[in-house]
Protein backbone atom coordinates (compact mmCIF):
# COMPACT_ATOMS: atom_id res chain seq x y z
CA UNK A 1 168.34 274.27 121.09
CA UNK A 2 165.23 273.79 123.26
CA UNK A 3 164.25 276.30 125.98
CA UNK A 4 162.18 275.57 129.01
CA UNK A 5 159.86 278.29 130.14
CA UNK A 6 159.68 278.64 133.89
CA UNK A 7 156.93 280.39 135.85
CA UNK A 8 157.70 283.34 138.08
CA UNK A 9 156.96 281.26 141.19
CA UNK A 10 159.34 278.55 139.94
CA UNK A 11 162.12 281.09 139.34
CA UNK A 12 161.69 282.65 142.80
CA UNK A 13 161.68 279.21 144.43
CA UNK A 14 164.81 278.21 142.52
CA UNK A 15 166.54 281.45 143.50
CA UNK A 16 165.93 280.87 147.20
CA UNK A 17 166.96 277.24 146.93
CA UNK A 18 170.26 278.20 145.31
CA UNK A 19 170.80 281.00 147.83
CA UNK A 20 170.31 278.62 150.72
CA UNK A 21 172.73 276.11 149.07
CA UNK A 22 175.40 278.82 148.82
CA UNK A 23 174.97 279.72 152.42
CA UNK A 24 175.29 276.05 153.51
CA UNK A 25 178.45 275.75 151.47
CA UNK A 26 180.12 278.55 153.37
CA UNK A 27 181.79 276.47 156.10
CA UNK A 28 182.49 279.51 158.34
CA UNK A 29 179.04 281.07 158.22
CA UNK A 30 176.86 280.28 161.23
CA UNK A 31 173.09 280.27 160.80
CA UNK A 32 171.47 283.42 162.06
CA UNK A 33 169.05 281.47 164.18
CA UNK A 34 172.01 280.65 166.48
CA UNK A 35 173.03 284.22 167.11
CA UNK A 36 171.69 286.79 169.52
CA UNK A 37 170.51 290.23 168.60
CA UNK A 38 173.05 292.04 170.79
CA UNK A 39 171.99 294.61 173.33
CA UNK A 40 174.41 297.03 175.00
CA UNK A 41 173.28 296.25 178.56
CA UNK A 42 174.10 292.54 178.23
CA UNK A 43 177.30 290.52 178.06
CA UNK A 44 177.91 288.05 175.27
CA UNK A 45 180.48 285.28 175.18
CA UNK A 46 181.10 282.08 173.18
CA UNK A 47 182.52 278.66 174.00
CA UNK A 48 183.77 276.24 171.31
CA UNK A 49 183.52 272.72 172.66
CA UNK A 50 185.50 269.69 171.42
CA UNK A 51 185.76 266.26 172.97
CA UNK A 52 187.54 262.97 172.25
CA UNK A 53 190.03 264.26 169.69
CA UNK A 54 192.89 261.90 168.86
CA UNK A 55 193.72 263.00 165.33
CA UNK A 56 195.17 266.38 164.46
CA UNK A 57 194.61 265.82 160.71
CA UNK A 58 191.27 265.34 158.91
CA UNK A 59 189.77 261.84 159.01
CA UNK A 60 187.69 259.78 156.62
CA UNK A 61 189.79 260.57 153.56
CA UNK A 62 190.14 264.21 154.54
CA UNK A 63 186.33 264.79 154.56
CA UNK A 64 185.83 265.61 158.22
CA UNK A 65 187.75 267.00 161.22
CA UNK A 66 191.16 268.48 161.23
CA UNK A 67 192.49 270.80 163.96
CA UNK A 68 193.65 273.39 161.35
CA UNK A 69 190.03 273.69 160.23
CA UNK A 70 188.88 274.06 163.84
CA UNK A 71 191.41 276.86 164.32
CA UNK A 72 190.05 278.66 161.17
CA UNK A 73 186.58 278.50 162.83
CA UNK A 74 188.03 279.55 166.13
CA UNK A 75 189.53 282.70 164.54
CA UNK A 76 186.29 283.45 162.76
CA UNK A 77 184.39 283.28 166.00
CA UNK A 78 187.01 285.50 167.76
CA UNK A 79 186.31 288.09 165.12
CA UNK A 80 182.60 287.75 165.85
CA UNK A 81 183.21 288.01 169.59
CA UNK A 82 186.62 288.38 171.22
CA UNK A 83 185.11 286.82 174.37
CA UNK A 84 185.45 283.31 172.88
CA UNK A 85 186.88 280.27 174.70
CA UNK A 86 188.21 277.06 173.20
CA UNK A 87 187.75 273.96 175.33
CA UNK A 88 188.13 270.21 175.16
CA UNK A 89 186.15 267.82 177.35
CA UNK A 90 188.79 265.10 177.80
CA UNK A 91 190.54 262.39 175.75
CA UNK A 92 193.18 263.82 173.49
CA UNK A 93 196.60 262.50 174.54
CA UNK A 94 195.75 258.92 173.59
CA UNK A 95 194.97 256.80 171.66
CA UNK A 96 196.47 257.81 168.30
CA UNK A 97 198.67 256.28 165.69
CA UNK A 98 201.11 259.26 165.91
CA UNK A 99 201.35 258.68 169.64
CA UNK A 100 202.78 255.24 169.17
CA UNK A 101 205.61 256.09 166.81
CA UNK A 102 209.07 256.92 167.91
CA UNK A 103 210.84 260.22 167.15
CA UNK A 104 214.48 260.55 168.23
CA UNK A 105 214.12 257.23 170.07
CA UNK A 106 211.11 258.22 172.16
CA UNK A 107 207.41 257.52 171.58
CA UNK A 108 205.32 260.66 170.80
CA UNK A 109 202.58 259.82 173.30
CA UNK A 110 200.49 262.94 172.76
CA UNK A 111 203.24 265.47 172.24
CA UNK A 112 201.80 266.22 168.81
CA UNK A 113 198.40 267.04 170.30
CA UNK A 114 199.85 269.43 172.88
CA UNK A 115 201.90 271.21 170.26
CA UNK A 116 198.89 271.75 168.01
CA UNK A 117 196.58 272.73 170.92
CA UNK A 118 199.22 275.24 172.19
CA UNK A 119 199.25 276.79 168.67
CA UNK A 120 195.41 276.99 168.75
CA UNK A 121 195.52 278.78 172.12
CA UNK A 122 193.13 276.39 173.87
CA UNK A 123 191.79 277.88 177.09
CA UNK A 124 190.71 274.87 179.13
CA UNK A 125 190.75 271.07 179.05
CA UNK A 126 189.39 268.33 181.30
CA UNK A 127 190.99 265.00 181.95
CA UNK A 128 189.61 262.03 180.13
CA UNK A 129 190.08 258.37 180.92
CA UNK A 130 192.49 257.95 177.97
CA UNK A 131 194.86 260.54 179.41
CA UNK A 132 195.81 257.85 181.89
CA UNK A 133 196.84 255.37 179.15
CA UNK A 134 200.15 257.24 179.32
CA UNK A 135 202.83 256.41 181.86
CA UNK A 136 203.07 258.82 184.71
CA UNK A 137 206.30 260.37 183.25
CA UNK A 138 204.73 260.82 179.85
CA UNK A 139 201.65 262.42 181.29
CA UNK A 140 203.73 264.71 183.42
CA UNK A 141 205.78 265.78 180.35
CA UNK A 142 202.55 266.63 178.44
CA UNK A 143 201.23 268.60 181.41
CA UNK A 144 204.48 270.54 181.60
CA UNK A 145 204.49 271.28 177.86
CA UNK A 146 200.84 272.53 177.75
CA UNK A 147 200.10 276.20 177.75
CA UNK A 148 196.42 275.72 178.48
CA UNK A 149 194.68 275.12 181.84
CA UNK A 150 193.52 271.64 183.08
CA UNK A 151 190.80 271.01 185.67
CA UNK A 152 189.44 267.95 187.48
CA UNK A 153 188.02 267.44 191.00
CA UNK A 154 188.09 263.69 191.25
CA UNK A 155 191.52 262.42 189.99
CA UNK A 156 194.59 262.41 192.28
CA UNK A 157 198.06 261.07 192.66
CA UNK A 158 197.41 257.56 194.07
CA UNK A 159 200.69 257.43 195.87
CA UNK A 160 200.28 260.86 197.43
CA UNK A 161 196.80 260.62 198.86
CA UNK A 162 193.69 262.77 198.81
CA UNK A 163 193.98 266.41 197.67
CA UNK A 164 197.31 265.76 195.91
CA UNK A 165 196.34 266.83 192.48
CA UNK A 166 198.29 266.59 189.29
CA UNK A 167 200.51 269.55 188.53
CA UNK A 168 202.60 271.30 185.92
CA UNK A 169 206.29 272.06 186.43
CA UNK A 170 206.89 275.61 185.06
CA UNK A 171 210.41 277.07 185.32
CA UNK A 172 211.13 274.58 188.07
CA UNK A 173 208.08 275.36 190.05
CA UNK A 174 205.01 273.12 190.66
CA UNK A 175 201.59 274.55 189.74
CA UNK A 176 198.73 272.30 190.79
CA UNK A 177 195.93 271.46 188.40
CA UNK A 178 192.86 273.12 189.88
CA UNK A 179 189.55 271.63 190.83
CA UNK A 180 187.67 274.51 189.22
CA UNK A 181 188.36 277.36 186.78
CA UNK A 182 187.03 280.91 186.62
CA UNK A 183 186.91 283.10 183.48
CA UNK A 184 186.04 286.77 183.88
CA UNK A 185 184.79 289.21 181.18
CA UNK A 186 184.27 292.93 181.53
CA UNK A 187 182.18 294.62 178.86
CA UNK A 188 180.95 298.23 178.90
CA UNK A 189 181.45 298.46 182.66
CA UNK A 190 179.57 295.22 183.32
CA UNK A 191 181.23 292.08 184.54
CA UNK A 192 180.49 288.40 184.37
CA UNK A 193 182.40 285.59 186.08
CA UNK A 194 181.99 282.09 184.66
CA UNK A 195 182.99 279.06 186.74
CA UNK A 196 183.75 275.57 185.52
CA UNK A 197 183.60 272.27 187.28
CA UNK A 198 184.84 268.95 186.00
CA UNK A 199 184.84 265.21 186.80
CA UNK A 200 186.29 262.18 184.94
CA UNK A 201 184.93 258.66 184.65
CA UNK A 202 186.94 256.26 186.87
CA UNK A 203 187.36 253.64 184.13
CA UNK A 204 191.05 253.52 183.68
CA UNK A 205 192.80 252.22 186.85
CA UNK A 206 196.54 252.94 186.89
CA UNK A 207 199.03 252.53 189.69
CA UNK A 208 199.63 256.31 189.86
CA UNK A 209 196.02 257.62 189.77
CA UNK A 210 193.12 257.44 192.25
CA UNK A 211 189.53 258.51 191.69
CA UNK A 212 187.00 259.87 194.15
CA UNK A 213 183.21 259.78 193.71
CA UNK A 214 182.29 261.92 190.65
CA UNK A 215 178.88 262.91 192.07
CA UNK A 216 180.12 263.98 195.46
CA UNK A 217 182.93 265.98 193.90
CA UNK A 218 180.65 267.63 191.32
CA UNK A 219 178.28 268.75 194.07
CA UNK A 220 181.04 269.89 196.40
CA UNK A 221 182.91 271.96 193.85
CA UNK A 222 179.69 273.50 192.61
CA UNK A 223 178.71 274.57 196.11
CA UNK A 224 182.20 275.99 196.74
CA UNK A 225 182.16 277.90 193.39
CA UNK A 226 178.57 279.15 193.04
CA UNK A 227 179.02 282.15 195.45
CA UNK A 228 182.19 283.29 193.68
CA UNK A 229 180.79 283.38 190.12
CA UNK A 230 177.69 284.38 188.13
CA UNK A 231 177.36 281.20 186.13
CA UNK A 232 178.68 277.66 186.79
CA UNK A 233 179.21 275.29 183.79
CA UNK A 234 180.32 271.70 183.57
CA UNK A 235 183.15 270.33 181.49
CA UNK A 236 183.04 266.61 182.09
CA UNK A 237 184.27 263.30 180.74
CA UNK A 238 181.76 260.65 181.90
CA UNK A 239 179.00 258.52 180.42
CA UNK A 240 175.84 260.27 179.35
CA UNK A 241 173.87 258.66 182.11
CA UNK A 242 176.40 260.09 184.58
CA UNK A 243 175.93 263.52 183.10
CA UNK A 244 172.21 263.17 183.44
CA UNK A 245 172.58 262.33 187.15
CA UNK A 246 174.87 265.41 187.58
CA UNK A 247 172.28 267.53 185.83
CA UNK A 248 169.58 266.30 188.25
CA UNK A 249 171.93 266.89 191.18
CA UNK A 250 172.83 270.41 190.05
CA UNK A 251 169.71 271.86 188.39
CA UNK A 252 171.08 275.38 188.31
CA UNK A 253 173.97 274.45 185.99
CA UNK A 254 172.69 275.54 182.57
CA UNK A 255 175.17 273.61 180.43
CA UNK A 256 177.30 270.50 180.79
CA UNK A 257 179.86 270.08 178.01
CA UNK A 258 180.72 266.43 178.03
CA UNK A 259 182.83 263.79 176.27
CA UNK A 260 183.33 260.02 176.15
CA UNK A 261 180.55 258.85 173.90
CA UNK A 262 182.23 259.83 170.56
CA UNK A 263 178.92 260.61 168.88
CA UNK A 264 177.11 263.90 169.24
CA UNK A 265 174.47 264.16 171.95
CA UNK A 266 172.04 266.89 173.00
CA UNK A 267 169.91 266.20 176.04
CA UNK A 268 167.87 268.57 178.13
CA UNK A 269 167.28 267.63 181.81
CA UNK A 270 165.09 270.25 183.45
CA UNK A 271 166.88 273.54 182.78
CA UNK A 272 170.23 271.85 182.05
CA UNK A 273 171.54 271.13 178.55
CA UNK A 274 174.09 268.30 178.07
CA UNK A 275 176.04 268.60 174.84
CA UNK A 276 178.63 266.23 173.33
CA UNK A 277 180.22 266.66 169.88
CA UNK A 278 181.52 263.87 167.58
CA UNK A 279 184.98 262.42 168.09
CA UNK A 280 188.05 263.64 166.21
CA UNK A 281 186.52 267.04 165.61
CA UNK A 282 184.11 265.78 162.95
CA UNK A 283 181.83 268.26 164.67
CA UNK A 284 182.22 270.85 167.38
CA UNK A 285 179.63 272.65 169.52
CA UNK A 286 179.45 276.42 169.42
CA UNK A 287 177.69 277.70 172.53
CA UNK A 288 176.71 281.46 172.41
CA UNK A 289 175.78 282.97 175.73
CA UNK A 290 173.80 286.07 176.64
CA UNK A 291 174.08 287.21 180.22
CA UNK A 292 172.07 289.93 181.83
CA UNK A 293 173.98 291.57 184.70
CA UNK A 294 170.75 293.05 186.17
CA UNK A 295 168.54 289.93 186.21
CA UNK A 296 171.48 287.53 186.41
CA UNK A 297 169.77 285.39 183.75
CA UNK A 298 171.65 283.41 181.21
CA UNK A 299 170.46 282.39 177.71
CA UNK A 300 172.34 279.90 175.53
CA UNK A 301 172.10 279.15 171.88
CA UNK A 302 173.98 275.98 170.90
CA UNK A 303 174.99 275.01 167.38
CA UNK A 304 176.50 271.68 166.31
CA UNK A 305 179.02 272.65 163.63
CA UNK A 306 180.30 270.12 161.07
CA UNK A 307 184.01 270.46 160.47
CA UNK A 308 184.60 269.53 156.87
CA UNK A 309 186.47 270.31 153.65
CA UNK A 310 184.32 273.50 153.20
CA UNK A 311 186.33 275.11 155.99
CA UNK A 312 189.75 276.21 154.84
CA UNK A 313 192.63 275.14 157.13
CA UNK A 314 194.39 277.72 159.18
CA UNK A 315 197.84 278.09 157.70
CA UNK A 316 199.96 278.26 160.84
CA UNK A 317 198.30 275.33 162.55
CA UNK A 318 198.31 273.37 159.30
CA UNK A 319 202.08 273.67 159.06
CA UNK A 320 202.43 271.90 162.42
CA UNK A 321 199.83 269.27 161.42
CA UNK A 322 201.66 268.62 158.12
CA UNK A 323 205.01 268.32 159.92
CA UNK A 324 203.66 265.50 162.07
CA UNK A 325 201.80 263.89 159.09
CA UNK A 326 205.05 263.74 157.12
CA UNK A 327 206.68 261.92 160.02
CA UNK A 328 203.76 259.53 160.16
CA UNK A 329 203.70 258.81 156.47
CA UNK A 330 207.41 257.97 156.49
CA UNK A 331 206.78 255.42 159.22
CA UNK A 332 203.74 253.90 157.51
CA UNK A 333 205.66 253.58 154.21
CA UNK A 334 208.05 251.25 155.92
CA UNK A 335 205.10 248.74 155.86
CA UNK A 336 202.88 249.85 152.91
CA UNK A 337 203.89 251.84 149.84
CA UNK A 338 200.65 253.96 149.48
CA UNK A 339 199.26 254.99 152.90
CA UNK A 340 196.37 257.01 151.46
CA UNK A 341 195.09 254.46 148.91
CA UNK A 342 191.39 253.76 149.10
CA UNK A 343 191.19 250.09 149.90
CA UNK A 344 187.57 249.61 151.08
CA UNK A 345 184.28 251.48 151.55
CA UNK A 346 182.53 250.87 154.78
CA UNK A 347 178.85 251.33 154.07
CA UNK A 348 178.13 250.13 157.62
CA UNK A 349 180.44 251.76 160.27
CA UNK A 350 183.10 249.44 161.59
CA UNK A 351 182.91 249.42 165.32
CA UNK A 352 186.39 249.73 166.90
CA UNK A 353 185.26 251.52 170.08
CA UNK A 354 186.91 250.36 173.32
CA UNK A 355 183.81 249.19 175.19
CA UNK A 356 182.22 247.01 172.40
CA UNK A 357 185.46 245.48 171.10
CA UNK A 358 186.33 244.42 174.65
CA UNK A 359 182.97 242.91 175.42
CA UNK A 360 181.16 241.66 172.27
CA UNK A 361 181.97 240.47 168.78
CA UNK A 362 182.06 243.53 166.50
CA UNK A 363 182.33 243.80 162.73
CA UNK A 364 185.80 245.35 163.04
CA UNK A 365 186.95 242.54 165.27
CA UNK A 366 185.71 239.98 162.74
CA UNK A 367 187.60 241.69 159.94
CA UNK A 368 190.81 241.60 161.97
CA UNK A 369 190.41 237.93 162.86
CA UNK A 370 189.28 236.96 159.34
CA UNK A 371 192.30 238.82 157.91
CA UNK A 372 194.62 236.73 160.07
CA UNK A 373 193.18 233.62 158.53
CA UNK A 374 193.36 235.22 155.08
CA UNK A 375 197.08 235.79 155.66
CA UNK A 376 197.57 232.09 155.60
CA UNK A 377 195.25 231.46 152.67
CA UNK A 378 192.52 230.26 155.11
CA UNK A 379 194.61 227.20 155.83
CA UNK A 380 193.88 227.55 159.53
CA UNK A 381 190.96 226.24 161.59
CA UNK A 382 190.28 229.56 163.25
CA UNK A 383 191.78 232.89 164.23
CA UNK A 384 191.61 235.17 167.24
CA UNK A 385 193.04 238.46 168.59
CA UNK A 386 192.75 240.36 171.84
CA UNK A 387 190.32 243.30 171.79
CA UNK A 388 192.86 245.37 173.68
CA UNK A 389 195.14 245.51 170.65
CA UNK A 390 192.51 247.82 168.97
CA UNK A 391 193.36 251.30 170.11
CA UNK A 392 191.43 253.81 168.01
CA UNK A 393 188.29 253.86 170.21
CA UNK A 394 186.15 255.08 167.33
CA UNK A 395 183.99 253.91 164.43
CA UNK A 396 185.20 253.86 160.82
CA UNK A 397 182.84 254.65 157.94
CA UNK A 398 183.10 255.63 154.27
CA UNK A 399 186.39 255.25 152.42
CA UNK A 400 189.08 253.36 154.34
CA UNK A 401 192.78 253.77 153.76
CA UNK A 402 195.87 251.98 155.14
CA UNK A 403 196.28 255.00 157.50
CA UNK A 404 192.88 254.11 159.07
CA UNK A 405 194.06 250.51 159.64
CA UNK A 406 197.25 251.73 161.30
CA UNK A 407 195.09 253.89 163.56
CA UNK A 408 193.04 250.82 164.59
CA UNK A 409 196.15 248.70 165.34
CA UNK A 410 198.96 251.24 165.97
CA UNK A 411 201.38 248.71 167.45
CA UNK A 412 201.07 246.20 164.61
CA UNK A 413 202.85 242.89 165.20
CA UNK A 414 203.09 239.61 163.28
CA UNK A 415 200.41 236.94 162.80
CA UNK A 416 201.67 233.56 163.89
CA UNK A 417 200.39 230.24 162.63
CA UNK A 418 200.26 227.93 165.59
CA UNK A 419 199.41 224.24 166.09
CA UNK A 420 197.83 223.63 169.53
CA UNK A 421 195.92 220.90 171.28
CA UNK A 422 192.11 221.14 171.43
CA UNK A 423 191.97 221.32 175.22
CA UNK A 424 194.28 224.30 175.20
CA UNK A 425 192.21 226.05 172.51
CA UNK A 426 189.06 225.50 174.63
CA UNK A 427 190.86 226.87 177.68
CA UNK A 428 191.99 230.03 175.78
CA UNK A 429 188.53 230.66 174.47
CA UNK A 430 187.02 230.30 177.94
CA UNK A 431 189.55 232.70 179.40
CA UNK A 432 188.83 235.29 176.73
CA UNK A 433 185.09 234.95 177.22
CA UNK A 434 185.41 235.50 181.01
CA UNK A 435 187.62 238.52 180.37
CA UNK A 436 184.75 240.49 178.90
CA UNK A 437 185.22 244.19 179.54
CA UNK A 438 189.01 243.94 179.43
CA UNK A 439 191.70 243.89 176.71
CA UNK A 440 192.00 240.08 177.00
CA UNK A 441 188.46 239.66 175.47
CA UNK A 442 188.97 237.85 172.16
CA UNK A 443 187.61 238.78 168.76
CA UNK A 444 187.52 235.66 166.65
CA UNK A 445 186.78 234.04 163.30
CA UNK A 446 185.44 230.52 162.66
CA UNK A 447 184.57 230.27 166.33
CA UNK A 448 181.13 230.14 167.88
CA UNK A 449 179.17 228.66 170.80
CA UNK A 450 176.26 226.22 170.68
CA UNK A 451 173.12 226.37 172.78
CA UNK A 452 174.84 224.30 175.43
CA UNK A 453 177.69 226.77 175.80
CA UNK A 454 180.22 224.56 174.10
CA UNK A 455 182.84 226.13 171.82
CA UNK A 456 182.66 225.24 168.17
CA UNK A 457 185.39 225.61 165.58
CA UNK A 458 184.21 225.64 161.97
CA UNK A 459 180.74 224.63 163.39
CA UNK A 460 182.08 221.51 165.12
CA UNK A 461 182.59 221.00 168.81
CA UNK A 462 186.26 221.25 169.87
CA UNK A 463 187.88 217.82 170.31
CA UNK A 464 190.22 218.17 173.29
CA UNK A 465 192.70 215.67 171.83
CA UNK A 466 192.71 217.02 168.31
CA UNK A 467 195.43 219.35 166.98
CA UNK A 468 194.15 222.60 165.65
CA UNK A 469 195.92 225.15 163.46
CA UNK A 470 195.18 228.67 164.56
CA UNK A 471 196.24 232.16 163.53
CA UNK A 472 196.92 234.63 166.38
CA UNK A 473 199.04 237.53 167.30
CA UNK A 474 202.69 237.46 168.38
CA UNK A 475 201.51 239.50 171.38
CA UNK A 476 199.18 236.78 172.62
CA UNK A 477 201.72 234.06 172.15
CA UNK A 478 204.09 235.85 174.39
CA UNK A 479 201.66 235.25 177.25
CA UNK A 480 200.38 238.75 177.43
CA UNK A 481 196.64 238.98 178.42
CA UNK A 482 196.38 235.17 178.40
CA UNK A 483 199.31 234.04 180.60
CA UNK A 484 199.28 230.31 179.74
CA UNK A 485 199.21 230.88 176.01
CA UNK A 486 202.96 230.64 175.39
CA UNK A 487 205.36 228.77 173.08
CA UNK A 488 206.61 227.01 176.20
CA UNK A 489 203.19 225.42 176.91
CA UNK A 490 203.36 221.64 176.31
CA UNK A 491 200.08 221.86 174.33
CA UNK A 492 201.65 224.25 171.79
CA UNK A 493 203.22 221.92 169.18
CA UNK A 494 204.45 224.15 166.40
CA UNK A 495 204.77 227.91 165.78
CA UNK A 496 205.33 229.46 162.35
CA UNK A 497 206.73 232.91 162.38
CA UNK A 498 206.50 234.83 159.04
CA UNK A 499 209.27 236.49 157.27
CA UNK A 500 209.30 240.20 156.27
CA UNK A 501 208.16 239.54 152.73
CA UNK A 502 204.86 237.88 153.89
CA UNK A 503 201.75 239.81 154.59
CA UNK A 504 201.37 237.95 157.90
CA UNK A 505 204.61 239.72 159.01
CA UNK A 506 202.44 242.73 160.08
CA UNK A 507 198.73 242.21 160.96
CA UNK A 508 197.95 245.63 159.45
CA UNK A 509 199.24 244.49 156.12
CA UNK A 510 197.12 241.37 156.35
CA UNK A 511 194.03 243.52 156.97
CA UNK A 512 194.88 245.90 154.13
CA UNK A 513 195.28 243.05 151.60
CA UNK A 514 192.17 241.27 152.80
CA UNK A 515 190.00 244.44 152.53
CA UNK A 516 191.21 244.96 148.97
CA UNK A 517 189.65 241.64 148.04
CA UNK A 518 186.39 242.69 149.73
CA UNK A 519 185.76 245.71 147.41
């Protein structure tokens, strides 16, 4: 056996390297640089910030996220400081695969999220645009079931006019959702009052909701709140550029905790920090505050914490998560035998976010459309699908499983093989192109445009009198999103509808089988 002689310096260096590795592997240990050296004449409190969380279980093959892991961190931070709040900056009731399934004849629609969040003792949430994906009755049910507080200053009941805010019904009594929220802490005879303001991006018009100007409302509620509290913080769900404008408008707000982007952000505008964590609790922000009652000064140390498999799941919350996952797996197994099989590795993230997939061609959109052609052995001229059928509003990377595909397209549906006249195909493609920014925008395969703006199929200009064979969704052929694309249209000549033993019977199965060939 050979031995390697190490110098004293090398041994010391190796010791510190291994020590640092051990520390980084402890998922619940926060770096000392993020903590304050506590002083008795000051007040310390902590806020855990999440945003855009649609999945209660870990994502990316169990590597990241998971609300049971977040709860383990939450409890650890409560031990560190009992004055710890847990908050979510909008978007959690929708979209999710679990939300689309039926339990006892009724779609879940965010019930699983509220049950888990109640168990985690969330303190405060803001409305996000995806909360309004739900019907009014479903949203009202989730509000009634929630034990945590909601705030927003710029969303109202459309049919009830200005100042008619959403409400909870508790024991038969209505309790309005407030414009602002105040948290008070008393420590060693000293007191601090923390106020919160919130606005939501007006990007989801529904017949029961109205939005007022986010900037006017942010400024108004700040001015109404600032004399009542020691610190005013933001909990918003708007675009980063909107948060930046709010920071400029309200320079004395030290922290705006935001959502909507799905990827972590940390921007400093003057004395204001804007922080956003990654979607689906892949990361959370831990904000530690030091408040001096004498000088009224506030210091903040913010830490972006990765939620991964190094953090053990909280047992009580994990039981609820597993209950819902068991329900989900039973539903998925009705379509695919092995929901957690690794079918593909995405080295480049697959973009299934709402805004891109409804406005530009994305790699996820191309996979879906190409899979539809694959389902018919590429015996079609082209394939297309409406961007609005993609409901995950996120990016997929790393190992992909059937569960991930179900999250992308929670409603499924069959792939039809259709023979249509060229002039109708051209009309459909033009309609989808002009619908950019909406769910009717089309993601396609074997379709392109030339420099003159003419549509090409398989690199050839569309012949208006030729018959083309296309693959598309049963949803589109019912006239949804594109009203004139129906079986009854005279330029639709033939429709093939698959049987249950064909992969085209469910678009998700088509994608799964296609991705297996792409390994």
